[in-house]
Protein backbone atom coordinates (compact mmCIF):
# COMPACT_ATOMS: atom_id res chain seq x y z
CA UNK A 1 0.00 0.00 0.00
CA UNK A 2 1.06 3.59 -0.66
CA UNK A 3 -0.40 7.11 -0.60
CA UNK A 4 -0.14 9.85 -3.23
CA UNK A 5 -1.69 13.29 -3.85
CA UNK A 6 -4.84 13.55 -5.98
CA UNK A 7 -4.95 15.79 -9.03
CA UNK A 8 -8.39 17.32 -8.53
CA UNK A 9 -8.56 18.42 -12.17
CA UNK A 10 -7.72 15.15 -13.91
CA UNK A 11 -8.79 12.62 -11.23
CA UNK A 12 -12.15 14.02 -10.22
CA UNK A 13 -13.98 10.96 -11.54
CA UNK A 14 -11.82 8.56 -9.52
CA UNK A 15 -12.28 10.64 -6.37
CA UNK A 16 -16.05 10.80 -6.81
CA UNK A 17 -16.15 7.06 -7.47
CA UNK A 18 -14.48 6.04 -4.21
CA UNK A 19 -16.52 8.58 -2.22
CA UNK A 20 -19.70 7.26 -3.79
CA UNK A 21 -18.79 3.69 -2.87
CA UNK A 22 -18.09 4.44 0.76
CA UNK A 23 -19.94 7.62 1.81
CA UNK A 24 -23.31 6.98 0.24
CA UNK A 25 -25.36 9.50 2.23
CA UNK A 26 -23.99 12.51 0.33
CA UNK A 27 -24.47 13.68 -3.24
CA UNK A 28 -20.76 14.09 -3.97
CA UNK A 29 -21.23 15.16 -7.58
CA UNK A 30 -23.51 18.05 -6.61
CA UNK A 31 -21.21 19.30 -3.87
CA UNK A 32 -17.82 18.74 -5.53
CA UNK A 33 -17.26 22.14 -7.16
CA UNK A 34 -18.60 24.01 -4.14
CA UNK A 35 -16.76 21.98 -1.52
CA UNK A 36 -13.40 21.41 -3.21
CA UNK A 37 -12.95 24.53 -5.35
CA UNK A 38 -15.25 27.39 -4.29
CA UNK A 39 -14.22 27.52 -0.64
CA UNK A 40 -13.15 31.16 0.05
CA UNK A 41 -10.36 29.84 2.30
CA UNK A 42 -8.76 27.96 -0.59
CA UNK A 43 -8.85 24.80 -2.71
CA UNK A 44 -8.89 21.42 -0.97
CA UNK A 45 -6.05 18.89 -0.84
CA UNK A 46 -6.73 15.18 -1.36
CA UNK A 47 -4.73 11.93 -1.23
CA UNK A 48 -5.40 8.44 -2.54
CA UNK A 49 -4.39 5.21 -0.83
CA UNK A 50 -3.60 2.60 -3.50
CA UNK A 51 -2.07 -0.80 -4.12
CA UNK A 52 1.49 -0.40 -5.37
CA UNK A 53 1.30 -3.24 -7.86
CA UNK A 54 -2.11 -2.80 -9.45
CA UNK A 55 -2.40 0.96 -8.76
CA UNK A 56 -5.96 0.21 -7.56
CA UNK A 57 -7.36 3.14 -5.54
CA UNK A 58 -8.77 1.90 -2.23
CA UNK A 59 -8.99 5.00 -0.02
CA UNK A 60 -9.08 8.79 0.05
CA UNK A 61 -8.77 11.64 2.53
CA UNK A 62 -9.04 15.40 2.06
CA UNK A 63 -8.27 18.62 3.89
CA UNK A 64 -10.52 21.64 3.45
CA UNK A 65 -9.02 25.02 4.39
CA UNK A 66 -10.76 27.38 6.78
CA UNK A 67 -9.72 30.46 8.71
CA UNK A 68 -9.78 30.19 12.49
CA UNK A 69 -9.31 32.68 15.30
CA UNK A 70 -6.59 31.45 17.65
CA UNK A 71 -6.58 33.96 20.47
CA UNK A 72 -6.28 37.39 18.89
CA UNK A 73 -4.99 36.20 15.51
CA UNK A 74 -6.62 34.58 12.50
CA UNK A 75 -4.81 31.48 11.26
CA UNK A 76 -5.39 29.46 8.11
CA UNK A 77 -6.00 25.88 9.10
CA UNK A 78 -7.69 22.84 7.57
CA UNK A 79 -10.43 20.41 8.46
CA UNK A 80 -9.99 16.77 7.49
CA UNK A 81 -13.01 15.29 5.71
CA UNK A 82 -14.23 12.88 3.03
CA UNK A 83 -12.13 10.16 4.69
CA UNK A 84 -13.14 6.90 2.99
CA UNK A 85 -11.59 3.43 2.61
CA UNK A 86 -13.03 0.46 0.72
CA UNK A 87 -14.46 -2.09 3.12
CA UNK A 88 -11.97 -4.87 2.34
CA UNK A 89 -9.06 -2.52 3.13
CA UNK A 90 -10.37 -1.05 6.38
CA UNK A 91 -7.46 -1.95 8.59
CA UNK A 92 -5.45 0.42 10.71
CA UNK A 93 -2.53 0.49 8.25
CA UNK A 94 -4.18 2.33 5.31
CA UNK A 95 -6.06 4.61 7.72
CA UNK A 96 -2.84 5.68 9.45
CA UNK A 97 -1.13 6.29 6.10
CA UNK A 98 -3.97 8.53 4.92
CA UNK A 99 -4.12 10.36 8.24
CA UNK A 100 -0.39 11.10 8.07
CA UNK A 101 -0.88 12.47 4.56
CA UNK A 102 -3.38 15.05 5.83
CA UNK A 103 -0.56 16.52 7.97
CA UNK A 104 1.47 17.48 4.87
CA UNK A 105 0.03 21.01 4.32
CA UNK A 106 0.91 21.78 7.95
CA UNK A 107 4.43 20.36 7.64
CA UNK A 108 4.95 22.39 4.45
CA UNK A 109 3.87 25.60 6.20
CA UNK A 110 0.69 26.03 4.13
CA UNK A 111 -1.56 25.67 7.18
CA UNK A 112 -1.05 26.54 10.84
CA UNK A 113 -2.78 23.33 11.89
CA UNK A 114 -5.37 20.82 10.74
CA UNK A 115 -8.04 19.01 12.69
CA UNK A 116 -10.22 15.95 12.29
CA UNK A 117 -13.55 15.17 13.96
CA UNK A 118 -13.95 11.40 14.51
CA UNK A 119 -17.65 10.95 15.32
CA UNK A 120 -17.25 8.06 17.73
CA UNK A 121 -14.70 6.39 19.97
CA UNK A 122 -13.66 3.78 17.42
CA UNK A 123 -12.59 6.60 15.12
CA UNK A 124 -9.89 7.51 17.65
CA UNK A 125 -7.93 4.30 17.02
CA UNK A 126 -5.95 5.88 14.16
CA UNK A 127 -4.92 8.80 16.36
CA UNK A 128 -3.95 6.53 19.23
CA UNK A 129 -1.62 4.69 16.86
CA UNK A 130 -0.11 8.09 16.02
CA UNK A 131 0.23 8.97 19.72
CA UNK A 132 -2.41 11.73 19.55
CA UNK A 133 -5.26 12.61 21.90
CA UNK A 134 -8.44 14.63 21.46
CA UNK A 135 -8.12 18.39 21.96
CA UNK A 136 -11.79 18.83 22.81
CA UNK A 137 -15.04 16.92 23.07
CA UNK A 138 -18.32 17.93 21.44
CA UNK A 139 -21.57 17.44 23.38
CA UNK A 140 -25.16 17.29 22.13
CA UNK A 141 -27.88 19.12 24.04
CA UNK A 142 -31.62 19.18 23.44
CA UNK A 143 -34.64 21.08 24.65
CA UNK A 144 -37.91 19.17 24.56
CA UNK A 145 -40.63 21.18 22.80
CA UNK A 146 -43.33 18.51 22.52
CA UNK A 147 -43.86 15.23 24.33
CA UNK A 148 -45.87 13.46 21.60
CA UNK A 149 -43.04 11.45 20.06
CA UNK A 150 -41.51 10.31 23.34
CA UNK A 151 -44.85 9.24 24.78
CA UNK A 152 -45.73 7.24 21.68
CA UNK A 153 -42.37 5.44 22.04
CA UNK A 154 -43.17 4.53 25.65
CA UNK A 155 -46.95 4.04 25.47
CA UNK A 156 -47.57 3.20 21.83
CA UNK A 157 -50.24 4.73 19.62
CA UNK A 158 -53.56 5.27 21.37
CA UNK A 159 -55.66 7.50 23.55
CA UNK A 160 -53.42 7.21 26.60
CA UNK A 161 -50.42 8.58 24.68
CA UNK A 162 -52.54 11.33 23.11
CA UNK A 163 -54.05 12.47 26.42
CA UNK A 164 -50.67 12.26 28.16
CA UNK A 165 -49.12 14.37 25.39
CA UNK A 166 -51.68 17.12 25.92
CA UNK A 167 -50.78 17.29 29.60
CA UNK A 168 -47.06 16.99 28.92
CA UNK A 169 -47.10 19.76 26.32
CA UNK A 170 -49.01 22.02 28.69
CA UNK A 171 -46.41 21.45 31.39
CA UNK A 172 -43.62 22.25 28.94
CA UNK A 173 -45.32 25.55 28.15
CA UNK A 174 -45.53 26.35 31.86
CA UNK A 175 -41.88 25.43 32.38
CA UNK A 176 -40.69 27.44 29.37
CA UNK A 177 -37.47 29.30 30.02
CA UNK A 178 -37.57 32.84 31.31
CA UNK A 179 -37.94 35.46 28.61
CA UNK A 180 -34.77 37.54 28.44
CA UNK A 181 -35.19 40.92 26.83
CA UNK A 182 -32.76 43.60 25.75
CA UNK A 183 -34.45 46.95 25.26
CA UNK A 184 -34.89 47.70 21.58
CA UNK A 185 -33.53 44.35 20.39
CA UNK A 186 -35.18 43.36 17.10
CA UNK A 187 -35.24 39.72 16.02
CA UNK A 188 -36.00 39.03 12.36
CA UNK A 189 -35.49 36.48 9.61
CA UNK A 190 -32.48 37.14 7.39
CA UNK A 191 -32.83 35.82 3.83
CA UNK A 192 -30.19 37.84 1.94
CA UNK A 193 -26.58 36.97 1.32
CA UNK A 194 -24.36 37.92 4.25
CA UNK A 195 -22.84 41.38 3.92
CA UNK A 196 -20.02 43.43 5.39
CA UNK A 197 -21.82 43.93 8.70
CA UNK A 198 -21.24 40.24 9.48
CA UNK A 199 -17.51 40.62 8.82
CA UNK A 200 -17.51 43.60 11.15
CA UNK A 201 -19.28 41.58 13.84
CA UNK A 202 -16.68 38.83 13.51
CA UNK A 203 -13.91 41.42 14.02
CA UNK A 204 -15.67 43.02 17.00
CA UNK A 205 -16.04 39.69 18.78
CA UNK A 206 -12.46 38.79 17.87
CA UNK A 207 -10.76 35.72 19.22
CA UNK A 208 -11.63 36.47 22.85
CA UNK A 209 -8.78 34.17 23.87
CA UNK A 210 -10.46 31.11 22.37
CA UNK A 211 -10.17 28.92 19.27
CA UNK A 212 -13.13 29.48 16.96
CA UNK A 213 -13.96 29.68 13.26
CA UNK A 214 -13.83 32.99 11.42
CA UNK A 215 -17.27 34.27 10.44
CA UNK A 216 -16.62 36.84 7.75
CA UNK A 217 -19.33 37.39 5.15
CA UNK A 218 -17.60 35.23 2.53
CA UNK A 219 -17.31 32.35 5.01
CA UNK A 220 -20.97 32.53 5.96
CA UNK A 221 -22.15 32.80 2.36
CA UNK A 222 -20.13 29.73 1.40
CA UNK A 223 -21.38 27.69 4.35
CA UNK A 224 -25.03 28.70 4.39
CA UNK A 225 -26.09 30.36 1.12
CA UNK A 226 -24.04 28.58 -1.56
CA UNK A 227 -24.35 25.08 -0.09
CA UNK A 228 -25.98 22.92 -2.80
CA UNK A 229 -27.18 20.21 -0.42
CA UNK A 230 -28.68 22.01 2.57
CA UNK A 231 -31.00 24.92 3.17
CA UNK A 232 -30.31 26.92 6.32
CA UNK A 233 -32.46 29.51 8.04
CA UNK A 234 -31.04 32.58 9.77
CA UNK A 235 -32.38 34.94 12.43
CA UNK A 236 -30.57 38.16 13.34
CA UNK A 237 -30.64 40.29 16.47
CA UNK A 238 -30.25 44.05 15.96
CA UNK A 239 -30.36 47.09 18.20
CA UNK A 240 -30.96 50.47 16.56
CA UNK A 241 -30.28 48.75 13.25
CA UNK A 242 -26.86 47.47 14.34
CA UNK A 243 -26.19 43.74 14.01
CA UNK A 244 -25.45 42.18 17.41
CA UNK A 245 -25.90 38.44 16.92
CA UNK A 246 -27.30 35.74 14.67
CA UNK A 247 -28.42 32.13 14.78
CA UNK A 248 -28.35 29.55 11.97
CA UNK A 249 -30.53 26.44 12.02
CA UNK A 250 -32.22 23.83 9.88
CA UNK A 251 -35.30 21.66 10.33
CA UNK A 252 -35.08 17.91 9.78
CA UNK A 253 -38.26 15.88 10.19
CA UNK A 254 -39.46 16.69 13.73
CA UNK A 255 -36.34 18.38 15.04
CA UNK A 256 -34.63 21.77 14.78
CA UNK A 257 -30.83 21.72 14.76
CA UNK A 258 -28.87 24.80 15.78
CA UNK A 259 -25.83 25.05 13.50
CA UNK A 260 -24.36 28.34 14.74
CA UNK A 261 -25.09 30.91 17.44
CA UNK A 262 -22.75 33.87 17.54
CA UNK A 263 -22.44 37.52 18.48
CA UNK A 264 -22.36 40.14 21.22
CA UNK A 265 -24.42 40.85 24.36
CA UNK A 266 -24.61 37.21 25.38
CA UNK A 267 -26.35 35.54 27.13
CA UNK A 268 -29.45 37.73 26.69
CA UNK A 269 -29.20 38.12 22.91
CA UNK A 270 -28.54 34.38 22.51
CA UNK A 271 -31.52 33.48 24.70
CA UNK A 272 -33.80 35.77 22.71
CA UNK A 273 -32.63 34.21 19.46
CA UNK A 274 -33.29 30.69 20.77
CA UNK A 275 -36.73 31.75 21.94
CA UNK A 276 -37.41 33.33 18.54
CA UNK A 277 -36.52 30.08 16.74
CA UNK A 278 -39.14 28.29 18.84
CA UNK A 279 -41.74 31.00 18.26
CA UNK A 280 -41.15 30.99 14.50
CA UNK A 281 -41.42 27.20 14.39
CA UNK A 282 -44.40 26.62 16.67
CA UNK A 283 -45.57 23.67 14.66
CA UNK A 284 -47.13 20.59 16.21
CA UNK A 285 -44.64 18.30 14.51
CA UNK A 286 -41.48 19.91 15.98
CA UNK A 287 -40.45 17.87 19.00
CA UNK A 288 -36.96 19.09 20.00
CA UNK A 289 -34.50 21.93 19.60
CA UNK A 290 -30.95 20.55 19.48
CA UNK A 291 -27.45 22.03 19.64
CA UNK A 292 -23.94 20.57 19.58
CA UNK A 293 -21.08 22.54 21.15
CA UNK A 294 -17.60 21.89 22.53
CA UNK A 295 -16.98 21.23 26.20
CA UNK A 296 -15.30 24.61 26.79
CA UNK A 297 -17.82 26.67 24.83
CA UNK A 298 -19.34 29.52 26.87
CA UNK A 299 -22.70 28.70 25.24
CA UNK A 300 -23.03 25.82 27.71
CA UNK A 301 -24.46 28.20 30.31
CA UNK A 302 -26.77 29.76 27.72
CA UNK A 303 -28.18 26.37 26.75
CA UNK A 304 -28.80 25.43 30.39
CA UNK A 305 -30.65 28.71 30.97
CA UNK A 306 -32.68 28.05 27.83
CA UNK A 307 -33.91 24.70 29.14
CA UNK A 308 -31.53 22.44 27.19
CA UNK A 309 -30.31 19.25 28.77
CA UNK A 310 -27.28 17.10 28.01
CA UNK A 311 -28.10 14.18 25.72
CA UNK A 312 -24.90 12.53 24.50
CA UNK A 313 -21.27 12.90 23.56
CA UNK A 314 -20.63 13.94 19.99
CA UNK A 315 -17.51 14.03 17.86
CA UNK A 316 -14.04 14.55 19.30
CA UNK A 317 -11.73 17.16 17.78
CA UNK A 318 -8.12 16.12 17.20
CA UNK A 319 -5.66 18.74 15.97
CA UNK A 320 -2.21 18.43 14.45
CA UNK A 321 0.44 21.14 14.26
CA UNK A 322 4.21 21.26 14.30
CA UNK A 323 5.48 20.20 17.75
CA UNK A 324 7.45 22.79 19.67
CA UNK A 325 5.73 25.79 18.07
CA UNK A 326 3.81 28.51 19.91
CA UNK A 327 0.54 27.41 18.35
CA UNK A 328 1.14 23.84 19.58
CA UNK A 329 0.78 25.07 23.15
CA UNK A 330 -2.33 27.09 22.27
CA UNK A 331 -4.05 24.07 20.75
CA UNK A 332 -3.11 21.72 23.57
CA UNK A 333 -4.57 23.34 26.64
CA UNK A 334 -3.42 26.90 26.11
CA UNK A 335 -6.76 28.16 24.78
CA UNK A 336 -10.30 26.75 25.08
CA UNK A 337 -11.97 25.44 21.92
CA UNK A 338 -15.19 27.38 21.31
CA UNK A 339 -16.70 25.16 18.62
CA UNK A 340 -20.30 24.93 17.42
CA UNK A 341 -21.90 22.35 15.14
CA UNK A 342 -20.77 24.37 12.11
CA UNK A 343 -17.12 23.75 12.99
CA UNK A 344 -17.38 19.98 12.61
CA UNK A 345 -19.58 19.89 9.49
CA UNK A 346 -17.69 18.45 6.54
């Protein structure tokens, strides 16, 4: 087995083929141009794992650039994604070879660091072989909006579940989180492309001595407006016309998923945005409001105040940078990781 770089221009078909065989939940053809080429942070890097004799391609891994605040500075880093290996070759050897390849842009000085987001504990085996540990842990929280679905799971379809749901939903309304208000704060849907005011908000918030993704207008447009596979909804919070905060979410079946929640005058502005999402989506079918954030994210307190409860561990974030550098210390305990769901999407 060996690993080599992918020529995205001449080997697009081969890359799409192996992704299609192994990561079947995504429409790779529809997202290829957007994901690999149109990223405002730069073009992706990819590597193939192959058999030396036959040249048969059996695996692939990619790194997608993104700009990240590390303390008070913005660094260009990369997120590992589209990691796929044919089922008959899924041993630790090819996985370790591909993972090492994703470090190359960092070693060549093209990126300050790269990070991967294994979604479960078994995904950490490659990093353990490389002597690496997780830099942060993502956690999933949920706020129950309706009891119908849970009661049907416990009681089955029938009158008892229906009557119990009426009572349960009434109690949820009574226990709704306290309404936090900032005088003159206006919450509204935002349907345009993101403009300069969002870049200005990103600069005003700054790094705040944390590790977080940059949220300039071009980043947000690429993530949320140009995405060919997903449709996101956005609410903004303004005071006297000035943008203070925003929230990004999508609805899937009976659940609302918070993708990003960012801005100034937290926690009150954040709590009002969360409340506004619920008010705008007061549909009988919506059962939960869910959010995934890192363990050191200051939004943890906001979610607790908003009635969210811990549900489960999510992905782990594992970062690589050159040992002995200043940024190595920042990534490994020097600064808290303030990640939202948007930071682990790939």
